[in-house]
Amino acid sequence: MSAGERKAMQKYTILDTEMVFDRYLTEAYKFINPKCEKTRIAARKLNMIALLDISIDDLGRISVGRLRSWTTENQDERAMLTAAFDDLRACADRMLVTYGGSAMDAKVIELAAMSHDLALPPQLVQAFGPRKLRPAHLDINAAMKGFGKTWHHLSEVLVRIGIPVALIRDKANPDLPFETGNWDLARQHCELDTLLTAIALVAWRRIQGDPCLRIPEATFALIEGYLRQRPEAIAASILKREKDAIIAGVIQSQRLAA
């Protein structure tokens, strides 16, 4: 790949987390402020982090890179964070992407890093002084909100662009291990969310005027890349059906345009 091709390639790392309310922190904050009826975000602890690398070239072609995740099943929060931070530092040339992460994932990660005396990876470090030419963290939800007041849940966006409800119906109530002990299922839920966020990313990039990117074809490539790494995922059958539906839709569109 030439230097020009490398420059044209936009590289991203999608991040998603799962977290739980810590009993001690919840009770401590309640003791400090009994009038506070809502459990504060600082009472959350991380128990899962997933990362997915994707790249988009200037012709709109999608490359799906590594999908990996860490949990606190056999390690504590500090060890999990250390492993994820080391991974992010190794791919510091990639823009970190979340959906709603600036208000939730990044904040909980910051609090966890403080409690464990860990330095954040460069993608999550606050920039002081002159503004950087390229942000290290893109929160799609914040970008879509802009200066307005409307926040969209990721599920709303996905349903609106035609993603099957069956694929996202459990987003609001994931089967988390602290409830069931099923760490593999919870890990798959977290990893699937990185794919869904990637789909939202390409849709958002397309409407910003990317001339070569097309949402159906990009979604197909993302699903294909995900299934290559997780062929036995619990959502595999739904994802395969969606791939078939995308192909059928593209063929139909081409026939109508001919």
Protein backbone atom coordinates (compact mmCIF):
# COMPACT_ATOMS: atom_id res chain seq x y z
CA MET A 1 0.00 0.00 0.00
CA SER A 2 1.42 3.38 -1.06
CA ALA A 3 1.76 6.42 1.19
CA GLY A 4 -1.16 8.06 -0.61
CA GLU A 5 -3.36 5.03 -0.04
CA ARG A 6 -2.44 4.93 3.64
CA LYS A 7 -3.32 8.60 3.99
CA ALA A 8 -6.73 8.07 2.38
CA MET A 9 -7.60 5.19 4.70
CA GLN A 10 -9.71 6.24 7.68
CA LYS A 11 -9.06 3.90 10.59
CA TYR A 12 -11.39 3.43 13.55
CA THR A 13 -11.60 1.39 16.73
CA ILE A 14 -15.16 0.87 17.98
CA LEU A 15 -15.54 0.60 21.76
CA ASP A 16 -18.37 -0.78 23.85
CA THR A 17 -18.55 -1.66 27.53
CA GLU A 18 -20.83 -3.39 30.00
CA MET A 19 -21.01 -2.28 33.61
CA VAL A 20 -22.83 -2.92 36.85
CA PHE A 21 -23.80 -0.87 39.88
CA ASP A 22 -21.44 -1.65 42.72
CA ARG A 23 -23.34 -2.30 45.96
CA TYR A 24 -20.84 -0.60 48.26
CA LEU A 25 -20.56 2.54 46.10
CA THR A 26 -24.32 2.73 45.67
CA GLU A 27 -24.94 2.51 49.42
CA ALA A 28 -22.08 4.93 50.21
CA TYR A 29 -23.46 7.64 47.92
CA LYS A 30 -26.94 7.07 49.27
CA PHE A 31 -25.60 7.56 52.81
CA ILE A 32 -23.85 10.78 51.80
CA ASN A 33 -26.91 12.17 50.02
CA PRO A 34 -30.12 10.38 51.12
CA LYS A 35 -32.24 12.77 49.06
CA CYS A 36 -30.66 11.62 45.81
CA GLU A 37 -33.11 9.11 44.35
CA LYS A 38 -31.07 8.28 41.24
CA THR A 39 -27.99 6.08 41.51
CA ARG A 40 -25.01 8.11 40.37
CA ILE A 41 -22.80 7.11 37.44
CA ALA A 42 -19.78 6.89 39.75
CA ALA A 43 -21.38 3.85 41.39
CA ARG A 44 -20.86 1.84 38.20
CA LYS A 45 -18.01 -0.61 37.74
CA LEU A 46 -16.86 -2.09 34.45
CA ASN A 47 -17.07 -5.82 33.87
CA MET A 48 -16.60 -6.00 30.09
CA ILE A 49 -14.84 -4.09 27.29
CA ALA A 50 -14.99 -4.91 23.57
CA LEU A 51 -13.05 -3.35 20.68
CA LEU A 52 -13.50 -3.71 16.91
CA ASP A 53 -11.16 -2.26 14.29
CA ILE A 54 -12.55 -1.13 10.95
CA SER A 55 -11.09 0.92 8.11
CA ILE A 56 -12.74 2.81 5.24
CA ASP A 57 -10.78 3.81 2.15
CA ASP A 58 -11.50 6.70 -0.22
CA LEU A 59 -13.50 4.38 -2.49
CA GLY A 60 -15.86 3.46 0.34
CA ARG A 61 -14.45 -0.03 0.79
CA ILE A 62 -14.71 -1.48 4.29
CA SER A 63 -12.01 -3.54 5.97
CA VAL A 64 -12.91 -5.26 9.22
CA GLY A 65 -9.97 -5.84 11.53
CA ARG A 66 -9.62 -7.46 14.93
CA LEU A 67 -12.52 -8.05 17.27
CA ARG A 68 -11.45 -8.63 20.89
CA SER A 69 -12.89 -8.32 24.37
CA TRP A 70 -11.98 -8.57 28.04
CA THR A 71 -14.11 -9.42 31.07
CA THR A 72 -13.77 -9.56 34.84
CA GLU A 73 -14.70 -13.23 34.91
CA ASN A 74 -11.15 -14.28 35.87
CA GLN A 75 -9.53 -10.93 36.65
CA ASP A 76 -10.38 -7.73 38.45
CA GLU A 77 -11.40 -4.40 36.93
CA ARG A 78 -7.85 -3.04 37.10
CA ALA A 79 -6.33 -5.96 35.18
CA MET A 80 -9.07 -5.77 32.56
CA LEU A 81 -8.54 -2.04 32.09
CA THR A 82 -4.77 -2.44 31.87
CA ALA A 83 -5.11 -4.98 29.06
CA ALA A 84 -7.62 -2.84 27.14
CA PHE A 85 -5.55 0.33 27.61
CA ASP A 86 -2.40 -1.41 26.33
CA ASP A 87 -4.35 -2.53 23.28
CA LEU A 88 -5.62 0.99 22.59
CA ARG A 89 -2.13 2.45 22.93
CA ALA A 90 -0.92 -0.04 20.32
CA CYS A 91 -3.48 1.34 17.84
CA ALA A 92 -3.21 5.02 18.72
CA ASP A 93 -3.39 5.95 15.02
CA ARG A 94 -7.06 4.91 15.01
CA MET A 95 -9.94 7.16 15.98
CA LEU A 96 -11.93 5.75 18.89
CA VAL A 97 -15.67 5.56 18.17
CA THR A 98 -18.52 5.11 20.63
CA TYR A 99 -22.25 5.69 20.62
CA GLY A 100 -23.05 7.83 23.64
CA GLY A 101 -19.62 7.11 25.05
CA SER A 102 -18.80 10.69 26.01
CA ALA A 103 -21.67 10.61 28.52
CA MET A 104 -21.30 7.03 29.76
CA ASP A 105 -18.51 4.64 28.64
CA ALA A 106 -15.72 7.23 28.67
CA LYS A 107 -16.87 8.68 32.00
CA VAL A 108 -16.99 5.31 33.75
CA ILE A 109 -13.61 4.40 32.24
CA GLU A 110 -12.16 7.69 33.55
CA LEU A 111 -13.51 7.03 37.05
CA ALA A 112 -12.22 3.45 36.98
CA ALA A 113 -8.79 4.64 35.83
CA MET A 114 -8.71 7.12 38.74
CA SER A 115 -9.59 4.44 41.25
CA HIS A 116 -6.83 2.14 39.94
CA ASP A 117 -4.15 4.83 39.35
CA LEU A 118 -3.99 4.10 35.61
CA ALA A 119 -3.11 6.54 32.82
CA LEU A 120 -5.71 6.69 30.07
CA PRO A 121 -4.83 5.67 26.51
CA PRO A 122 -4.31 8.62 24.13
CA GLN A 123 -7.77 8.30 22.56
CA LEU A 124 -9.42 9.14 25.89
CA VAL A 125 -7.02 11.78 27.21
CA GLN A 126 -8.55 15.26 27.34
CA ALA A 127 -6.80 17.66 24.97
CA PHE A 128 -5.61 20.88 26.63
CA GLY A 129 -4.20 23.83 24.73
CA PRO A 130 -4.54 24.17 20.92
CA ARG A 131 -7.30 22.08 19.42
CA LYS A 132 -6.12 18.96 17.64
CA LEU A 133 -6.67 18.77 13.88
CA ARG A 134 -8.40 15.40 14.28
CA PRO A 135 -10.32 14.31 17.39
CA ALA A 136 -9.18 11.11 19.04
CA HIS A 137 -12.71 10.14 20.13
CA LEU A 138 -15.87 10.38 18.03
CA ASP A 139 -19.17 9.97 19.87
CA ILE A 140 -21.72 9.40 17.08
CA ASN A 141 -24.65 10.25 19.34
CA ALA A 142 -23.11 13.59 20.31
CA ALA A 143 -22.27 14.31 16.66
CA MET A 144 -25.87 13.64 15.61
CA LYS A 145 -27.23 15.81 18.42
CA GLY A 146 -25.05 18.78 17.50
CA PHE A 147 -26.45 21.95 19.06
CA GLY A 148 -29.97 20.53 19.31
CA LYS A 149 -31.70 18.91 22.25
CA THR A 150 -32.60 15.54 20.75
CA TRP A 151 -30.64 12.45 21.74
CA HIS A 152 -31.26 9.23 19.80
CA HIS A 153 -30.81 5.79 21.32
CA LEU A 154 -28.68 3.53 19.13
CA SER A 155 -31.62 1.16 18.75
CA GLU A 156 -33.73 3.98 17.29
CA VAL A 157 -31.11 4.75 14.68
CA LEU A 158 -30.65 1.10 13.73
CA VAL A 159 -34.39 0.46 13.37
CA ARG A 160 -34.73 3.63 11.29
CA ILE A 161 -32.08 2.45 8.81
CA GLY A 162 -33.65 -0.99 8.52
CA ILE A 163 -31.70 -3.23 10.90
CA PRO A 164 -33.95 -6.14 12.02
CA VAL A 165 -35.63 -5.69 15.37
CA ALA A 166 -34.67 -9.28 16.24
CA LEU A 167 -31.02 -8.22 16.23
CA ILE A 168 -31.43 -5.39 18.71
CA ARG A 169 -34.43 -6.34 20.83
CA ASP A 170 -32.24 -7.40 23.78
CA LYS A 171 -30.05 -4.28 23.82
CA ALA A 172 -31.96 -2.68 26.67
CA ASN A 173 -31.90 -5.87 28.79
CA PRO A 174 -28.70 -7.79 28.09
CA ASP A 175 -28.18 -11.15 29.74
CA LEU A 176 -25.36 -10.05 32.03
CA PRO A 177 -23.19 -12.47 34.02
CA PHE A 178 -23.87 -10.92 37.42
CA GLU A 179 -27.47 -12.01 36.89
CA THR A 180 -27.00 -15.40 35.21
CA GLY A 181 -23.33 -16.35 35.39
CA ASN A 182 -23.27 -16.70 31.57
CA TRP A 183 -20.10 -14.78 30.72
CA ASP A 184 -19.91 -16.03 27.15
CA LEU A 185 -23.38 -14.75 26.32
CA ALA A 186 -22.63 -11.38 27.93
CA ARG A 187 -19.34 -11.12 26.03
CA GLN A 188 -21.16 -11.79 22.76
CA HIS A 189 -23.68 -9.07 23.58
CA CYS A 190 -20.88 -6.57 24.16
CA GLU A 191 -19.04 -7.59 20.98
CA LEU A 192 -22.24 -7.39 18.93
CA ASP A 193 -22.72 -3.82 20.12
CA THR A 194 -19.40 -2.86 18.49
CA LEU A 195 -20.76 -4.15 15.17
CA LEU A 196 -24.01 -2.24 15.61
CA THR A 197 -22.07 0.93 16.44
CA ALA A 198 -19.92 0.40 13.33
CA ILE A 199 -23.09 0.19 11.22
CA ALA A 200 -24.27 3.50 12.71
CA LEU A 201 -20.85 5.00 11.99
CA VAL A 202 -20.91 4.21 8.27
CA ALA A 203 -24.50 5.47 8.00
CA TRP A 204 -23.49 8.74 9.70
CA ARG A 205 -20.41 9.10 7.50
CA ARG A 206 -22.51 8.53 4.38
CA ILE A 207 -24.93 11.37 5.16
CA GLN A 208 -22.01 13.72 5.83
CA GLY A 209 -21.29 13.53 2.10
CA ASP A 210 -18.88 10.62 1.68
CA PRO A 211 -19.20 10.24 -2.13
CA CYS A 212 -18.32 6.55 -2.42
CA LEU A 213 -19.78 5.06 0.75
CA ARG A 214 -23.13 3.28 0.46
CA ILE A 215 -24.96 2.16 3.59
CA PRO A 216 -26.29 -1.25 2.38
CA GLU A 217 -22.97 -2.38 0.90
CA ALA A 218 -21.02 -1.09 3.91
CA THR A 219 -23.38 -2.85 6.32
CA PHE A 220 -22.95 -6.08 4.36
CA ALA A 221 -19.15 -5.79 4.59
CA LEU A 222 -19.28 -5.13 8.33
CA ILE A 223 -21.54 -8.13 8.99
CA GLU A 224 -19.36 -10.33 6.78
CA GLY A 225 -16.21 -9.28 8.63
CA TYR A 226 -17.85 -9.86 12.00
CA LEU A 227 -19.07 -13.34 11.07
CA ARG A 228 -15.63 -14.35 9.81
CA GLN A 229 -14.38 -13.88 13.37
CA ARG A 230 -17.51 -15.04 15.20
CA PRO A 231 -19.12 -17.66 12.91
CA GLU A 232 -20.83 -19.36 15.85
CA ALA A 233 -22.18 -16.19 17.45
CA ILE A 234 -25.66 -16.41 18.91
CA ALA A 235 -26.80 -13.75 16.44
CA ALA A 236 -25.20 -15.50 13.45
CA SER A 237 -28.45 -16.75 11.92
CA ILE A 238 -30.04 -13.29 12.09
CA LEU A 239 -26.92 -11.68 10.66
CA LYS A 240 -26.80 -14.17 7.78
CA ARG A 241 -30.43 -13.48 6.94
CA GLU A 242 -29.72 -9.77 6.99
CA LYS A 243 -26.82 -10.27 4.57
CA ASP A 244 -29.16 -12.10 2.18
CA ALA A 245 -31.75 -9.32 2.52
CA ILE A 246 -29.13 -6.66 1.78
CA ILE A 247 -27.98 -8.48 -1.36
CA ALA A 248 -31.57 -8.85 -2.55
CA GLY A 249 -32.21 -5.17 -1.90
CA VAL A 250 -29.11 -4.05 -3.80
CA ILE A 251 -29.99 -6.25 -6.78
CA GLN A 252 -33.53 -4.88 -6.82
CA SER A 253 -32.24 -1.30 -6.70
CA GLN A 254 -29.89 -1.99 -9.61
CA ARG A 255 -32.71 -3.46 -11.68
CA LEU A 256 -34.91 -0.44 -11.04
CA ALA A 257 -32.07 1.91 -11.96
CA ALA A 258 -31.30 0.03 -15.21
